[in-house]
Amino acid sequence: MDGALERMRLAAALWSVDGAQNGPEIIDAACELLASGYDGVNLAVLAGVMRQHAADEVPEFLEAALHDVGLDLYPPDAHEAQAIAVGHLAARTVAGEMSPEEFVEWALTGAEDFAEPLLALGSDYVNSARPRREIDAEVLVEARRLAFDFEQYARRVADGPCFVCATVAGHPDYRHHVVFEDDETIAFLNREPTLLGYTLVGPKRHLESWVDDLDQAAFERFQGTVHRVARAIAGTLPTERMYSMSFGSRLGNSHLHWHLAPLPPGVPYERQQFHAVMAENGVLDVSDESQAELAREIRSRM
């Protein structure tokens, strides 16, 4: 998706969440699409709306204009629209273009599906005697998690080299913190983890199916390694449940690999299981140094 189309998709998402107050951004995005070579009668009409009339006229033309460029209108407060909007505003907060308190205020009213981790912080701004800089710092941690650009990640996965093969080969753009390695298998920390200690385990050979590409003996050896790595992770981090699964797709990340995701104690039920491992729900703000230290601790228990 090119820049002009992406900006219209964002404006449409904000329209779903914020409504008429986002009308001028919709008009600007329509003008940019026309300038970028897109056309359509409805798009042209939308671009011609006077900004002072946006609240009344944008709703009349928006859906048809979006169809002109292959986009759909999000229903009011749609979950997908909230995800796009909260990711964008979280990124603005991280970049210093929006204050942490402004972000919390917006999220609590405009992104209810994603606001739960911010509820207590929103209350702290109003009722707590805690230093504001301390609250701001905690909001920024959550904003960095929510700002994860899943679409950029998906493009990298689809267009880049096999990430496991690149890691094994020592490709500088695919450097990971390795927790285990032998002649057949490699295990390393996820660079964009949804849970601390999230680890990927894969055969070094480029295999794509544990059903078709591994005989029973090879699969049992591989799973033995998966189990050893899982025990080392659980011995390093407080772990209520160790999630273990094989993901991947022929469209990206096709190299066979196993996910080990340690769920810490105290996570609310609705944020466990698949919610806890989906990058669309945000990733942790972890430093390279902290990941390196965590990898050393896990390796020491292997």
Protein backbone atom coordinates (compact mmCIF):
# COMPACT_ATOMS: atom_id res chain seq x y z
CA MET A 1 0.00 0.00 0.00
CA ASP A 2 1.54 3.34 -1.05
CA GLY A 3 1.80 6.37 1.21
CA ALA A 4 -1.27 8.27 -0.06
CA LEU A 5 -3.50 5.21 0.18
CA GLU A 6 -2.14 4.39 3.64
CA ARG A 7 -2.92 7.91 4.83
CA MET A 8 -6.51 7.60 3.59
CA ARG A 9 -6.85 4.23 5.34
CA LEU A 10 -5.61 5.86 8.56
CA ALA A 11 -7.95 8.83 8.14
CA ALA A 12 -10.87 6.44 7.58
CA ALA A 13 -9.94 4.51 10.71
CA LEU A 14 -9.80 7.72 12.75
CA TRP A 15 -13.18 8.70 11.26
CA SER A 16 -14.61 5.42 12.54
CA VAL A 17 -13.27 6.15 16.00
CA ASP A 18 -13.43 9.94 16.29
CA GLY A 19 -16.19 10.82 13.81
CA ALA A 20 -16.78 14.26 12.37
CA GLN A 21 -13.83 15.94 14.12
CA ASN A 22 -11.58 14.05 11.68
CA GLY A 23 -13.36 15.39 8.57
CA PRO A 24 -10.59 17.77 7.44
CA GLU A 25 -8.05 14.91 7.50
CA ILE A 26 -10.37 12.88 5.25
CA ILE A 27 -10.54 15.77 2.76
CA ASP A 28 -6.75 16.23 2.81
CA ALA A 29 -6.24 12.50 2.24
CA ALA A 30 -8.63 12.58 -0.74
CA CYS A 31 -6.71 15.51 -2.26
CA GLU A 32 -3.43 13.65 -1.81
CA LEU A 33 -4.84 10.57 -3.54
CA LEU A 34 -5.88 12.67 -6.55
CA ALA A 35 -2.43 14.29 -6.66
CA SER A 36 -0.87 10.81 -6.57
CA GLY A 37 -2.77 9.69 -9.67
CA TYR A 38 -5.82 8.00 -8.19
CA ASP A 39 -9.15 8.91 -9.72
CA GLY A 40 -12.86 8.41 -9.28
CA VAL A 41 -15.87 10.67 -9.39
CA ASN A 42 -16.69 10.18 -5.73
CA LEU A 43 -13.08 10.71 -4.69
CA ALA A 44 -13.02 14.00 -6.61
CA VAL A 45 -16.26 15.13 -4.98
CA LEU A 46 -14.91 14.27 -1.52
CA ALA A 47 -11.70 16.20 -2.21
CA GLY A 48 -13.80 19.21 -3.17
CA VAL A 49 -15.71 19.40 0.10
CA MET A 50 -15.13 22.68 1.95
CA ARG A 51 -13.44 22.08 5.28
CA GLN A 52 -16.08 24.04 7.17
CA HIS A 53 -18.73 21.70 5.73
CA ALA A 54 -16.80 18.50 6.50
CA ALA A 55 -19.04 17.32 9.34
CA ASP A 56 -22.13 17.44 7.11
CA GLU A 57 -20.77 16.40 3.70
CA VAL A 58 -17.97 13.89 4.35
CA PRO A 59 -20.40 11.19 5.60
CA GLU A 60 -22.36 11.56 2.34
CA PHE A 61 -19.42 10.83 0.04
CA LEU A 62 -16.87 8.92 2.14
CA GLU A 63 -17.94 5.32 1.55
CA ALA A 64 -18.23 5.71 -2.23
CA ALA A 65 -14.92 7.57 -2.40
CA LEU A 66 -13.19 4.79 -0.46
CA HIS A 67 -14.60 2.23 -2.89
CA ASP A 68 -13.09 4.28 -5.76
CA VAL A 69 -9.63 3.44 -4.39
CA GLY A 70 -10.34 -0.10 -3.20
CA LEU A 71 -10.88 0.62 0.49
CA ASP A 72 -13.85 -0.16 2.71
CA LEU A 73 -15.60 2.09 5.22
CA TYR A 74 -15.10 0.89 8.78
CA PRO A 75 -18.26 0.71 10.90
CA PRO A 76 -18.30 3.10 13.88
CA ASP A 77 -15.78 2.06 16.54
CA ALA A 78 -14.77 -1.07 14.57
CA HIS A 79 -12.06 -3.13 16.26
CA GLU A 80 -9.81 -3.00 13.18
CA ALA A 81 -10.20 0.78 12.98
CA GLN A 82 -9.35 1.11 16.67
CA ALA A 83 -6.22 -1.01 16.14
CA ILE A 84 -5.01 1.21 13.27
CA ALA A 85 -5.82 4.43 15.12
CA VAL A 86 -4.28 3.41 18.44
CA GLY A 87 -1.11 2.21 16.71
CA HIS A 88 -0.76 5.53 14.88
CA LEU A 89 -1.37 7.70 17.94
CA ALA A 90 0.86 5.49 20.07
CA ALA A 91 3.65 6.05 17.54
CA ARG A 92 3.03 9.81 17.69
CA THR A 93 3.26 9.62 21.47
CA VAL A 94 6.56 7.74 21.32
CA ALA A 95 7.85 10.36 18.85
CA GLY A 96 6.91 13.19 21.23
CA GLU A 97 4.17 14.59 18.95
CA MET A 98 1.45 13.82 21.51
CA SER A 99 1.78 13.90 25.28
CA PRO A 100 1.36 10.65 27.24
CA GLU A 101 -1.61 12.13 29.10
CA GLU A 102 -3.29 13.18 25.83
CA PHE A 103 -2.77 9.67 24.48
CA VAL A 104 -4.36 8.10 27.56
CA GLU A 105 -7.32 10.49 27.41
CA TRP A 106 -7.89 9.67 23.75
CA ALA A 107 -7.48 5.90 24.21
CA LEU A 108 -9.96 5.72 27.08
CA THR A 109 -12.68 7.19 24.87
CA GLY A 110 -11.57 6.33 21.33
CA ALA A 111 -10.03 2.86 21.59
CA GLU A 112 -11.93 1.01 24.29
CA ASP A 113 -10.88 -2.39 22.93
CA PHE A 114 -7.24 -1.52 23.67
CA ALA A 115 -7.58 0.77 26.67
CA GLU A 116 -7.59 -1.69 29.57
CA PRO A 117 -3.83 -1.44 30.34
CA LEU A 118 -4.22 2.36 30.43
CA LEU A 119 -7.20 2.54 32.80
CA ALA A 120 -5.16 2.70 36.00
CA LEU A 121 -2.72 5.19 34.46
CA GLY A 122 -5.60 7.43 33.41
CA SER A 123 -6.84 7.38 36.99
CA ASP A 124 -3.33 8.12 38.26
CA TYR A 125 -3.17 11.35 36.25
CA VAL A 126 -6.30 12.55 38.06
CA ASN A 127 -6.10 11.03 41.52
CA SER A 128 -2.55 9.87 42.28
CA ALA A 129 0.18 11.75 44.08
CA ARG A 130 2.77 9.92 41.97
CA PRO A 131 5.17 12.16 40.03
CA ARG A 132 3.81 12.88 36.56
CA ARG A 133 7.11 11.86 34.92
CA GLU A 134 6.72 8.42 36.50
CA ILE A 135 3.22 8.01 35.07
CA ASP A 136 4.40 9.35 31.70
CA ALA A 137 7.19 6.75 31.61
CA GLU A 138 4.72 3.92 32.17
CA VAL A 139 2.42 5.27 29.46
CA LEU A 140 5.36 5.40 27.03
CA VAL A 141 6.12 1.74 27.70
CA GLU A 142 2.54 0.86 26.78
CA ALA A 143 2.61 3.22 23.78
CA ARG A 144 5.73 1.51 22.41
CA ARG A 145 3.94 -1.84 22.71
CA LEU A 146 0.89 -0.54 20.86
CA ALA A 147 2.92 1.22 18.17
CA PHE A 148 4.15 -2.04 16.63
CA ASP A 149 3.65 -1.74 12.84
CA PHE A 150 2.22 -5.13 11.93
CA GLU A 151 1.78 -4.30 8.24
CA GLN A 152 5.45 -3.35 7.89
CA TYR A 153 6.35 -6.59 9.64
CA ALA A 154 4.12 -8.56 7.26
CA ARG A 155 5.77 -6.93 4.23
CA ARG A 156 9.24 -7.79 5.58
CA VAL A 157 8.19 -11.39 6.16
CA ALA A 158 6.71 -11.73 2.68
CA ASP A 159 9.47 -9.96 0.75
CA GLY A 160 12.60 -10.78 2.76
CA PRO A 161 14.74 -13.91 2.98
CA CYS A 162 13.83 -16.89 5.15
CA PHE A 163 14.43 -15.54 8.65
CA VAL A 164 15.59 -18.85 10.15
CA CYS A 165 18.03 -19.57 7.32
CA ALA A 166 19.28 -15.97 7.50
CA THR A 167 19.80 -16.29 11.25
CA VAL A 168 21.72 -19.55 10.85
CA ALA A 169 23.86 -17.95 8.12
CA GLY A 170 24.68 -14.95 10.33
CA HIS A 171 22.93 -12.35 8.15
CA PRO A 172 23.51 -8.98 9.89
CA ASP A 173 19.87 -7.90 9.43
CA TYR A 174 18.60 -11.10 11.06
CA ARG A 175 20.71 -11.22 14.19
CA HIS A 176 18.93 -12.88 17.12
CA HIS A 177 19.98 -13.76 20.64
CA VAL A 178 20.55 -17.51 20.52
CA VAL A 179 19.64 -19.58 23.57
CA PHE A 180 20.52 -23.01 22.14
CA GLU A 181 22.28 -24.42 19.10
CA ASP A 182 23.53 -27.82 17.99
CA ASP A 183 24.13 -29.48 14.61
CA GLU A 184 20.42 -29.87 13.84
CA THR A 185 18.53 -27.16 15.74
CA ILE A 186 18.69 -23.50 16.69
CA ALA A 187 16.62 -21.62 19.29
CA PHE A 188 16.60 -17.85 19.69
CA LEU A 189 14.63 -15.07 21.33
CA ASN A 190 11.89 -13.40 19.30
CA ARG A 191 13.07 -9.88 18.41
CA GLU A 192 9.51 -8.54 18.69
CA PRO A 193 8.08 -10.51 21.60
CA THR A 194 4.55 -10.25 22.91
CA LEU A 195 5.72 -12.01 26.10
CA LEU A 196 9.10 -11.77 27.80
CA GLY A 197 11.17 -14.84 26.95
CA TYR A 198 9.22 -15.64 23.76
CA THR A 199 11.51 -18.06 21.93
CA LEU A 200 11.53 -19.65 18.46
CA VAL A 201 12.98 -23.11 17.86
CA GLY A 202 13.63 -24.48 14.38
CA PRO A 203 15.65 -27.04 12.45
CA LYS A 204 18.68 -25.56 10.74
CA ARG A 205 17.76 -27.25 7.48
CA HIS A 206 15.04 -25.45 5.54
CA LEU A 207 12.05 -27.67 6.22
CA GLU A 208 8.47 -26.47 5.99
CA SER A 209 6.27 -29.22 7.38
CA TRP A 210 6.76 -31.21 10.56
CA VAL A 211 4.18 -33.69 9.23
CA ASP A 212 5.76 -34.28 5.81
CA ASP A 213 9.43 -33.32 6.21
CA LEU A 214 10.34 -35.09 9.48
CA ASP A 215 10.12 -38.78 10.14
CA GLN A 216 9.04 -39.88 13.60
CA ALA A 217 12.56 -40.22 14.98
CA ALA A 218 13.60 -36.78 13.71
CA PHE A 219 10.40 -35.21 15.05
CA GLU A 220 10.93 -36.78 18.47
CA ARG A 221 14.52 -35.46 18.58
CA PHE A 222 13.29 -32.01 17.62
CA GLN A 223 10.52 -32.04 20.22
CA GLY A 224 13.01 -33.20 22.81
CA THR A 225 14.98 -30.03 22.14
CA VAL A 226 11.79 -27.93 22.26
CA HIS A 227 11.03 -29.42 25.68
CA ARG A 228 14.55 -28.71 26.98
CA VAL A 229 14.37 -25.10 25.82
CA ALA A 230 10.91 -24.68 27.37
CA ARG A 231 12.16 -25.96 30.73
CA ALA A 232 15.10 -23.57 30.59
CA ILE A 233 12.78 -20.62 29.87
CA ALA A 234 10.39 -21.62 32.66
CA GLY A 235 13.35 -21.97 35.03
CA THR A 236 14.43 -18.43 34.18
CA LEU A 237 11.13 -16.53 34.19
CA PRO A 238 7.95 -16.83 36.30
CA THR A 239 5.70 -18.90 34.06
CA GLU A 240 2.07 -19.78 34.68
CA ARG A 241 1.66 -21.59 31.35
CA MET A 242 4.09 -22.37 28.54
CA TYR A 243 2.39 -21.94 25.19
CA SER A 244 3.83 -24.19 22.49
CA MET A 245 2.74 -24.06 18.87
CA SER A 246 3.91 -24.23 15.28
CA PHE A 247 2.99 -21.20 13.17
CA GLY A 248 4.09 -20.17 9.68
CA SER A 249 2.72 -19.80 6.19
CA ARG A 250 3.74 -20.40 2.60
CA LEU A 251 3.23 -16.65 2.18
CA GLY A 252 5.88 -15.86 4.78
CA ASN A 253 7.86 -17.49 7.60
CA SER A 254 7.56 -20.83 5.79
CA HIS A 255 10.59 -22.35 7.55
CA LEU A 256 9.35 -24.82 10.17
CA HIS A 257 9.68 -23.31 13.64
CA TRP A 258 8.12 -23.81 17.06
CA HIS A 259 6.94 -20.96 19.26
CA LEU A 260 7.52 -21.10 23.01
CA ALA A 261 5.69 -18.29 24.79
CA PRO A 262 5.85 -18.16 28.61
CA LEU A 263 2.69 -16.59 30.04
CA PRO A 264 3.54 -14.84 33.33
CA PRO A 265 1.25 -15.08 36.36
CA GLY A 266 -1.51 -12.52 36.76
CA VAL A 267 -2.48 -11.90 33.12
CA PRO A 268 -6.29 -11.39 32.84
CA TYR A 269 -8.01 -14.31 31.13
CA GLU A 270 -9.14 -12.25 28.13
CA ARG A 271 -5.48 -11.34 27.43
CA GLN A 272 -4.21 -14.93 27.63
CA GLN A 273 -3.97 -17.67 24.98
CA PHE A 274 -4.08 -16.39 21.36
CA HIS A 275 -4.41 -12.76 22.46
CA ALA A 276 -1.11 -13.08 24.31
CA VAL A 277 0.87 -14.24 21.26
CA MET A 278 -0.61 -12.07 18.49
CA ALA A 279 1.71 -9.23 17.49
CA GLU A 280 -1.33 -7.27 16.28
CA ASN A 281 -2.11 -6.72 19.97
CA GLY A 282 1.27 -5.07 20.52
CA VAL A 283 4.80 -6.13 21.34
CA LEU A 284 7.00 -5.52 24.37
CA ASP A 285 9.47 -2.66 24.56
CA VAL A 286 12.68 -4.63 25.16
CA SER A 287 16.25 -3.45 24.75
CA ASP A 288 18.97 -5.40 22.97
CA GLU A 289 20.97 -5.43 26.20
CA SER A 290 18.14 -6.90 28.28
CA GLN A 291 17.48 -9.55 25.63
CA ALA A 292 21.16 -10.47 25.53
CA GLU A 293 21.17 -10.92 29.32
CA LEU A 294 17.96 -12.98 29.21
CA ALA A 295 19.44 -15.23 26.51
CA ARG A 296 22.53 -15.80 28.67
CA GLU A 297 20.34 -16.79 31.63
CA ILE A 298 18.31 -19.22 29.56
CA ARG A 299 21.47 -20.73 28.00
CA SER A 300 22.87 -21.29 31.48
CA ARG A 301 19.93 -23.57 32.28
CA MET A 302 20.18 -25.72 29.16
